[in-house]
C-alpha atoms as a PDB file:
ATOM      1  CA  UNK A   1     117.274 130.869  60.263  1.00  0.00           C
ATOM      2  CA  UNK A   2     114.950 131.978  57.536  1.00  0.00           C
ATOM      3  CA  UNK A   3     111.960 131.432  59.701  1.00  0.00           C
ATOM      4  CA  UNK A   4     113.376 132.939  62.867  1.00  0.00           C
ATOM      5  CA  UNK A   5     114.473 136.118  60.521  1.00  0.00           C
ATOM      6  CA  UNK A   6     111.296 135.811  58.424  1.00  0.00           C
ATOM      7  CA  UNK A   7     113.400 136.351  55.595  1.00  0.00           C
ATOM      8  CA  UNK A   8     112.391 135.452  51.925  1.00  0.00           C
ATOM      9  CA  UNK A   9     116.010 135.647  50.511  1.00  0.00           C
ATOM     10  CA  UNK A  10     117.374 133.106  53.118  1.00  0.00           C
ATOM     11  CA  UNK A  11     114.341 130.822  52.215  1.00  0.00           C
ATOM     12  CA  UNK A  12     115.589 131.074  48.265  1.00  0.00           C
ATOM     13  CA  UNK A  13     119.286 130.085  49.353  1.00  0.00           C
ATOM     14  CA  UNK A  14     117.823 127.509  51.466  1.00  0.00           C
ATOM     15  CA  UNK A  15     115.913 125.898  48.765  1.00  0.00           C
ATOM     16  CA  UNK A  16     118.891 126.045  46.211  1.00  0.00           C
ATOM     17  CA  UNK A  17     121.096 124.512  48.615  1.00  0.00           C
ATOM     18  CA  UNK A  18     118.442 122.185  49.163  1.00  0.00           C
ATOM     19  CA  UNK A  19     118.334 120.847  45.415  1.00  0.00           C
ATOM     20  CA  UNK A  20     122.206 120.893  45.036  1.00  0.00           C
ATOM     21  CA  UNK A  21     122.541 118.750  48.081  1.00  0.00           C
ATOM     22  CA  UNK A  22     120.066 116.185  46.999  1.00  0.00           C
ATOM     23  CA  UNK A  23     121.440 116.329  43.404  1.00  0.00           C
ATOM     24  CA  UNK A  24     124.810 115.261  44.892  1.00  0.00           C
ATOM     25  CA  UNK A  25     123.327 112.508  47.066  1.00  0.00           C
ATOM     26  CA  UNK A  26     121.646 111.097  44.066  1.00  0.00           C
ATOM     27  CA  UNK A  27     124.869 110.325  42.077  1.00  0.00           C
ATOM     28  CA  UNK A  28     127.716 109.154  44.515  1.00  0.00           C
ATOM     29  CA  UNK A  29     127.767 105.549  45.467  1.00  0.00           C
ATOM     30  CA  UNK A  30     127.606 106.259  49.499  1.00  0.00           C
ATOM     31  CA  UNK A  31     126.563 109.314  51.388  1.00  0.00           C
ATOM     32  CA  UNK A  32     127.446 109.506  55.039  1.00  0.00           C
ATOM     33  CA  UNK A  33     125.492 111.436  57.476  1.00  0.00           C
ATOM     34  CA  UNK A  34     125.913 112.131  61.108  1.00  0.00           C
ATOM     35  CA  UNK A  35     122.495 111.696  62.731  1.00  0.00           C
ATOM     36  CA  UNK A  36     119.302 109.692  62.374  1.00  0.00           C
ATOM     37  CA  UNK A  37     117.357 112.683  62.272  1.00  0.00           C
ATOM     38  CA  UNK A  38     119.435 113.410  58.850  1.00  0.00           C
ATOM     39  CA  UNK A  39     118.285 110.149  57.781  1.00  0.00           C
ATOM     40  CA  UNK A  40     114.839 110.852  58.169  1.00  0.00           C
ATOM     41  CA  UNK A  41     114.746 113.971  56.417  1.00  0.00           C
ATOM     42  CA  UNK A  42     116.564 112.240  53.150  1.00  0.00           C
ATOM     43  CA  UNK A  43     114.008 109.573  53.457  1.00  0.00           C
ATOM     44  CA  UNK A  44     111.336 111.913  52.900  1.00  0.00           C
ATOM     45  CA  UNK A  45     112.917 113.432  49.707  1.00  0.00           C
ATOM     46  CA  UNK A  46     114.653 110.609  48.117  1.00  0.00           C
ATOM     47  CA  UNK A  47     115.425 106.934  48.425  1.00  0.00           C
ATOM     48  CA  UNK A  48     118.182 106.365  51.039  1.00  0.00           C
ATOM     49  CA  UNK A  49     119.181 102.894  50.259  1.00  0.00           C
ATOM     50  CA  UNK A  50     122.739 104.774  49.753  1.00  0.00           C
ATOM     51  CA  UNK A  51     122.839 106.931  52.723  1.00  0.00           C
ATOM     52  CA  UNK A  52     124.875 105.536  55.504  1.00  0.00           C
ATOM     53  CA  UNK A  53     124.867 106.588  59.220  1.00  0.00           C
ATOM     54  CA  UNK A  54     127.969 107.381  60.677  1.00  0.00           C
ATOM     55  CA  UNK A  55     128.373 109.151  64.354  1.00  0.00           C
ATOM     56  CA  UNK A  56     131.162 111.851  64.791  1.00  0.00           C
ATOM     57  CA  UNK A  57     134.217 110.239  66.371  1.00  0.00           C
ATOM     58  CA  UNK A  58     135.478 111.513  69.639  1.00  0.00           C
ATOM     59  CA  UNK A  59     137.254 110.072  72.643  1.00  0.00           C
ATOM     60  CA  UNK A  60     136.330 110.513  76.084  1.00  0.00           C
ATOM     61  CA  UNK A  61     138.243 113.270  77.689  1.00  0.00           C
ATOM     62  CA  UNK A  62     136.861 112.353  81.279  1.00  0.00           C
ATOM     63  CA  UNK A  63     135.865 114.520  84.436  1.00  0.00           C
ATOM     64  CA  UNK A  64     138.687 115.644  85.738  1.00  0.00           C
ATOM     65  CA  UNK A  65     137.537 117.558  89.010  1.00  0.00           C
ATOM     66  CA  UNK A  66     134.667 117.083  91.559  1.00  0.00           C
ATOM     67  CA  UNK A  67     131.468 118.910  91.481  1.00  0.00           C
ATOM     68  CA  UNK A  68     132.276 120.906  94.772  1.00  0.00           C
ATOM     69  CA  UNK A  69     135.517 122.094  92.866  1.00  0.00           C
ATOM     70  CA  UNK A  70     133.822 123.741  90.016  1.00  0.00           C
ATOM     71  CA  UNK A  71     131.657 126.984  89.019  1.00  0.00           C
ATOM     72  CA  UNK A  72     130.234 128.841  86.088  1.00  0.00           C
ATOM     73  CA  UNK A  73     128.344 128.351  82.937  1.00  0.00           C
ATOM     74  CA  UNK A  74     129.327 128.191  79.298  1.00  0.00           C
ATOM     75  CA  UNK A  75     128.942 128.052  75.906  1.00  0.00           C
ATOM     76  CA  UNK A  76     131.525 126.548  73.576  1.00  0.00           C
ATOM     77  CA  UNK A  77     131.154 127.293  69.507  1.00  0.00           C
ATOM     78  CA  UNK A  78     132.960 129.079  66.843  1.00  0.00           C
ATOM     79  CA  UNK A  79     131.117 132.612  65.617  1.00  0.00           C
ATOM     80  CA  UNK A  80     131.787 132.077  61.864  1.00  0.00           C
ATOM     81  CA  UNK A  81     128.489 130.040  62.285  1.00  0.00           C
ATOM     82  CA  UNK A  82     125.443 132.285  62.437  1.00  0.00           C
ATOM     83  CA  UNK A  83     123.426 129.920  64.732  1.00  0.00           C
ATOM     84  CA  UNK A  84     126.180 130.000  67.477  1.00  0.00           C
ATOM     85  CA  UNK A  85     126.082 133.987  67.685  1.00  0.00           C
ATOM     86  CA  UNK A  86     122.035 133.786  67.807  1.00  0.00           C
ATOM     87  CA  UNK A  87     122.225 131.221  70.726  1.00  0.00           C
ATOM     88  CA  UNK A  88     124.605 133.301  72.969  1.00  0.00           C
ATOM     89  CA  UNK A  89     122.641 136.690  72.411  1.00  0.00           C
ATOM     90  CA  UNK A  90     119.422 134.695  73.290  1.00  0.00           C
ATOM     91  CA  UNK A  91     120.501 133.108  76.187  1.00  0.00           C
ATOM     92  CA  UNK A  92     122.122 136.337  77.651  1.00  0.00           C
ATOM     93  CA  UNK A  93     119.032 138.499  77.043  1.00  0.00           C
ATOM     94  CA  UNK A  94     116.561 135.758  77.732  1.00  0.00           C
ATOM     95  CA  UNK A  95     117.890 133.180  80.120  1.00  0.00           C
ATOM     96  CA  UNK A  96     120.726 134.266  81.993  1.00  0.00           C
ATOM     97  CA  UNK A  97     118.883 136.843  83.961  1.00  0.00           C
ATOM     98  CA  UNK A  98     116.481 134.059  85.094  1.00  0.00           C
ATOM     99  CA  UNK A  99     119.574 132.346  86.292  1.00  0.00           C
ATOM    100  CA  UNK A 100     121.146 135.106  88.283  1.00  0.00           C
ATOM    101  CA  UNK A 101     117.858 135.573  90.107  1.00  0.00           C
ATOM    102  CA  UNK A 102     118.791 132.230  92.141  1.00  0.00           C
ATOM    103  CA  UNK A 103     122.566 131.759  91.573  1.00  0.00           C
ATOM    104  CA  UNK A 104     123.664 135.558  91.393  1.00  0.00           C
ATOM    105  CA  UNK A 105     127.443 134.602  91.962  1.00  0.00           C
ATOM    106  CA  UNK A 106     127.630 132.296  88.392  1.00  0.00           C
ATOM    107  CA  UNK A 107     129.734 133.538  85.300  1.00  0.00           C
ATOM    108  CA  UNK A 108     129.083 132.941  82.213  1.00  0.00           C
ATOM    109  CA  UNK A 109     132.045 131.875  79.874  1.00  0.00           C
ATOM    110  CA  UNK A 110     131.706 132.527  76.019  1.00  0.00           C
ATOM    111  CA  UNK A 111     134.285 130.296  74.376  1.00  0.00           C
ATOM    112  CA  UNK A 112     135.248 130.021  70.899  1.00  0.00           C
ATOM    113  CA  UNK A 113     137.089 131.683  67.585  1.00  0.00           C
ATOM    114  CA  UNK A 114     136.183 134.899  66.040  1.00  0.00           C
ATOM    115  CA  UNK A 115     133.626 136.391  68.542  1.00  0.00           C
ATOM    116  CA  UNK A 116     131.618 138.917  66.435  1.00  0.00           C
ATOM    117  CA  UNK A 117     131.298 142.806  67.554  1.00  0.00           C
ATOM    118  CA  UNK A 118     127.515 141.753  69.027  1.00  0.00           C
ATOM    119  CA  UNK A 119     128.823 138.875  70.950  1.00  0.00           C
ATOM    120  CA  UNK A 120     131.894 141.445  72.250  1.00  0.00           C
ATOM    121  CA  UNK A 121     128.994 144.053  73.214  1.00  0.00           C
ATOM    122  CA  UNK A 122     127.852 141.181  75.820  1.00  0.00           C
ATOM    123  CA  UNK A 123     130.954 141.497  77.640  1.00  0.00           C
ATOM    124  CA  UNK A 124     130.589 142.183  81.204  1.00  0.00           C
ATOM    125  CA  UNK A 125     132.408 141.532  84.753  1.00  0.00           C
ATOM    126  CA  UNK A 126     130.365 138.155  85.022  1.00  0.00           C
ATOM    127  CA  UNK A 127     130.291 137.591  81.092  1.00  0.00           C
ATOM    128  CA  UNK A 128     133.598 136.549  79.869  1.00  0.00           C
ATOM    129  CA  UNK A 129     134.643 136.110  76.197  1.00  0.00           C
ATOM    130  CA  UNK A 130     137.763 133.929  76.028  1.00  0.00           C
ATOM    131  CA  UNK A 131     137.977 133.663  71.825  1.00  0.00           C
ATOM    132  CA  UNK A 132     139.666 130.615  70.695  1.00  0.00           C
ATOM    133  CA  UNK A 133     141.440 128.446  73.196  1.00  0.00           C
ATOM    134  CA  UNK A 134     143.970 126.104  71.915  1.00  0.00           C
ATOM    135  CA  UNK A 135     143.350 123.334  74.751  1.00  0.00           C
ATOM    136  CA  UNK A 136     140.502 123.196  76.743  1.00  0.00           C
ATOM    137  CA  UNK A 137     141.439 120.973  79.245  1.00  0.00           C
ATOM    138  CA  UNK A 138     142.193 123.377  82.135  1.00  0.00           C
ATOM    139  CA  UNK A 139     139.318 125.854  81.340  1.00  0.00           C
ATOM    140  CA  UNK A 140     136.452 123.171  80.999  1.00  0.00           C
ATOM    141  CA  UNK A 141     138.016 120.949  84.217  1.00  0.00           C
ATOM    142  CA  UNK A 142     136.740 124.124  86.203  1.00  0.00           C
ATOM    143  CA  UNK A 143     133.201 124.775  84.488  1.00  0.00           C
ATOM    144  CA  UNK A 144     129.989 123.132  86.148  1.00  0.00           C
ATOM    145  CA  UNK A 145     127.449 123.538  83.216  1.00  0.00           C
ATOM    146  CA  UNK A 146     127.472 123.389  79.734  1.00  0.00           C
ATOM    147  CA  UNK A 147     124.604 125.093  77.797  1.00  0.00           C
ATOM    148  CA  UNK A 148     123.570 124.985  73.897  1.00  0.00           C
ATOM    149  CA  UNK A 149     120.672 127.140  73.422  1.00  0.00           C
ATOM    150  CA  UNK A 150     120.715 126.931  69.652  1.00  0.00           C
ATOM    151  CA  UNK A 151     117.271 127.828  68.203  1.00  0.00           C
ATOM    152  CA  UNK A 152     118.467 126.792  64.654  1.00  0.00           C
ATOM    153  CA  UNK A 153     120.964 124.729  62.940  1.00  0.00           C
ATOM    154  CA  UNK A 154     121.344 120.933  61.788  1.00  0.00           C
ATOM    155  CA  UNK A 155     123.161 117.841  62.822  1.00  0.00           C
ATOM    156  CA  UNK A 156     125.183 116.766  65.315  1.00  0.00           C
ATOM    157  CA  UNK A 157     126.307 119.373  67.608  1.00  0.00           C
ATOM    158  CA  UNK A 158     130.212 119.505  68.472  1.00  0.00           C
ATOM    159  CA  UNK A 159     129.917 121.501  71.444  1.00  0.00           C
ATOM    160  CA  UNK A 160     127.493 119.068  72.976  1.00  0.00           C
ATOM    161  CA  UNK A 161     129.690 115.938  72.258  1.00  0.00           C
ATOM    162  CA  UNK A 162     132.525 117.721  74.037  1.00  0.00           C
ATOM    163  CA  UNK A 163     131.089 118.836  76.723  1.00  0.00           C
ATOM    164  CA  UNK A 164     129.403 115.131  77.066  1.00  0.00           C
ATOM    165  CA  UNK A 165     133.192 113.830  76.644  1.00  0.00           C
ATOM    166  CA  UNK A 166     134.743 115.935  79.620  1.00  0.00           C
ATOM    167  CA  UNK A 167     131.457 114.705  81.692  1.00  0.00           C
ATOM    168  CA  UNK A 168     130.138 118.092  82.006  1.00  0.00           C
ATOM    169  CA  UNK A 169     126.197 118.014  82.187  1.00  0.00           C
ATOM    170  CA  UNK A 170     124.597 119.758  79.491  1.00  0.00           C
ATOM    171  CA  UNK A 171     121.561 122.030  79.273  1.00  0.00           C
ATOM    172  CA  UNK A 172     120.568 122.214  75.694  1.00  0.00           C
ATOM    173  CA  UNK A 173     117.546 122.780  73.327  1.00  0.00           C
ATOM    174  CA  UNK A 174     115.655 120.258  71.167  1.00  0.00           C
ATOM    175  CA  UNK A 175     117.367 121.905  68.198  1.00  0.00           C
ATOM    176  CA  UNK A 176     120.980 121.524  70.099  1.00  0.00           C
ATOM    177  CA  UNK A 177     119.957 117.666  71.138  1.00  0.00           C
ATOM    178  CA  UNK A 178     119.302 116.582  67.279  1.00  0.00           C
ATOM    179  CA  UNK A 179     121.388 113.862  66.119  1.00  0.00           C
ATOM    180  CA  UNK A 180     121.733 112.330  69.696  1.00  0.00           C
ATOM    181  CA  UNK A 181     120.064 109.143  70.602  1.00  0.00           C
ATOM    182  CA  UNK A 182     119.915 109.968  74.558  1.00  0.00           C
ATOM    183  CA  UNK A 183     117.740 109.862  77.169  1.00  0.00           C
ATOM    184  CA  UNK A 184     116.742 113.376  78.026  1.00  0.00           C
ATOM    185  CA  UNK A 185     117.491 113.560  81.979  1.00  0.00           C
ATOM    186  CA  UNK A 186     119.859 110.796  82.321  1.00  0.00           C
ATOM    187  CA  UNK A 187     122.430 112.020  79.648  1.00  0.00           C
ATOM    188  CA  UNK A 188     121.904 115.572  79.330  1.00  0.00           C
ATOM    189  CA  UNK A 189     118.576 117.993  79.961  1.00  0.00           C
ATOM    190  CA  UNK A 190     116.736 119.070  77.065  1.00  0.00           C
ATOM    191  CA  UNK A 191     114.887 122.450  77.826  1.00  0.00           C
ATOM    192  CA  UNK A 192     113.072 124.920  74.868  1.00  0.00           C
ATOM    193  CA  UNK A 193     111.213 127.683  77.090  1.00  0.00           C
ATOM    194  CA  UNK A 194     113.754 130.392  78.807  1.00  0.00           C
ATOM    195  CA  UNK A 195     112.229 129.735  82.072  1.00  0.00           C
ATOM    196  CA  UNK A 196     112.402 125.844  81.585  1.00  0.00           C
ATOM    197  CA  UNK A 197     115.760 125.956  80.389  1.00  0.00           C
ATOM    198  CA  UNK A 198     117.144 128.284  83.304  1.00  0.00           C
ATOM    199  CA  UNK A 199     115.393 126.157  86.131  1.00  0.00           C
ATOM    200  CA  UNK A 200     117.112 123.193  84.671  1.00  0.00           C
ATOM    201  CA  UNK A 201     120.220 125.139  84.733  1.00  0.00           C
ATOM    202  CA  UNK A 202     120.096 126.097  88.456  1.00  0.00           C
ATOM    203  CA  UNK A 203     118.843 122.319  89.062  1.00  0.00           C
ATOM    204  CA  UNK A 204     121.891 120.659  88.130  1.00  0.00           C
ATOM    205  CA  UNK A 205     123.820 123.328  89.332  1.00  0.00           C
ATOM    206  CA  UNK A 206     123.032 123.133  93.081  1.00  0.00           C
ATOM    207  CA  UNK A 207     122.594 119.086  92.755  1.00  0.00           C
ATOM    208  CA  UNK A 208     125.525 117.139  93.335  1.00  0.00           C
ATOM    209  CA  UNK A 209     123.417 113.465  92.710  1.00  0.00           C
ATOM    210  CA  UNK A 210     121.818 115.175  89.354  1.00  0.00           C
ATOM    211  CA  UNK A 211     124.938 116.399  88.286  1.00  0.00           C
ATOM    212  CA  UNK A 212     127.377 113.454  89.141  1.00  0.00           C
ATOM    213  CA  UNK A 213     124.591 110.997  87.634  1.00  0.00           C
ATOM    214  CA  UNK A 214     124.420 113.092  84.188  1.00  0.00           C
ATOM    215  CA  UNK A 215     128.257 113.270  84.324  1.00  0.00           C
ATOM    216  CA  UNK A 216     129.007 109.476  84.255  1.00  0.00           C
ATOM    217  CA  UNK A 217     126.203 108.818  81.787  1.00  0.00           C
ATOM    218  CA  UNK A 218     127.156 111.616  79.287  1.00  0.00           C
ATOM    219  CA  UNK A 219     130.995 110.144  79.367  1.00  0.00           C
ATOM    220  CA  UNK A 220     129.419 106.606  78.938  1.00  0.00           C
ATOM    221  CA  UNK A 221     127.391 107.693  76.122  1.00  0.00           C
ATOM    222  CA  UNK A 222     130.375 108.972  74.111  1.00  0.00           C
ATOM    223  CA  UNK A 223     132.074 105.873  75.076  1.00  0.00           C
ATOM    224  CA  UNK A 224     129.649 103.669  73.300  1.00  0.00           C
ATOM    225  CA  UNK A 225     128.479 105.963  70.534  1.00  0.00           C
ATOM    226  CA  UNK A 226     131.674 108.185  69.478  1.00  0.00           C
ATOM    227  CA  UNK A 227     134.643 106.174  70.004  1.00  0.00           C
ATOM    228  CA  UNK A 228     137.465 105.450  67.567  1.00  0.00           C
ATOM    229  CA  UNK A 229     136.269 102.038  67.609  1.00  0.00           C
ATOM    230  CA  UNK A 230     132.844 102.142  67.372  1.00  0.00           C
ATOM    231  CA  UNK A 231     133.541 104.560  63.990  1.00  0.00           C
ATOM    232  CA  UNK A 232     136.048 102.461  62.748  1.00  0.00           C
ATOM    233  CA  UNK A 233     133.399  99.366  62.852  1.00  0.00           C
ATOM    234  CA  UNK A 234     131.144 101.391  61.133  1.00  0.00           C
ATOM    235  CA  UNK A 235     133.236 102.707  58.379  1.00  0.00           C
ATOM    236  CA  UNK A 236     134.621  98.868  57.882  1.00  0.00           C
ATOM    237  CA  UNK A 237     130.531  97.900  57.712  1.00  0.00           C
ATOM    238  CA  UNK A 238     130.150 100.707  54.840  1.00  0.00           C
ATOM    239  CA  UNK A 239     133.139  99.841  53.006  1.00  0.00           C
ATOM    240  CA  UNK A 240     132.041  96.248  52.870  1.00  0.00           C
ATOM    241  CA  UNK A 241     128.244  96.991  51.617  1.00  0.00           C
ATOM    242  CA  UNK A 242     130.361  98.767  48.421  1.00  0.00           C
ATOM    243  CA  UNK A 243     132.447  96.119  47.974  1.00  0.00           C
ATOM    244  CA  UNK A 244     135.564  98.183  48.409  1.00  0.00           C
END
């Protein structure tokens, strides 16, 4: 965020936060992180023998409607988190127009709590702002593609895990993919420039074979890596190492 906004003040805040976090990690018996990227980052700063990896725990929701009965694209995320606002504005301004050239009928749903005034300014007949939705099942069962065009932010992205758990193919940036030990093109699609991102959305939106393949692989990945059983085994292993 500091780099994108070219802000010296944000850089100073980031450095202060980094110092506090490293101090905490040095002084506890064990610190848990949620991605191998965080493990690697910490290993560059301090010995990480007390840092353990525990993936998010999230159930497979399942794909409840076939490709042919779905439409539209969505972003999922709360807007008290600044990277989400930046990502949605970036998508609408730089990526969605390219998609609309090939998919003029597509609608973009912005799903999440506390949409800001800048998000509300984007609303149009083909850009729908839903706000917070308690139960996502009904809406997500109708959606065809999830997008996560984050340009900054750290750790596993819940929006991606949720979408994968519903068997909805995701097109995401490298920043959004951080923490997911996945195979791009198999479990989801990663694209970082506007043209590639837009073309990836169009490809998976139009291709039922590609859509179904990614859908099934995504749900398998969530089952293998984010299930309650996988998390339970890992937590027990951490406690055993601590002698608890």
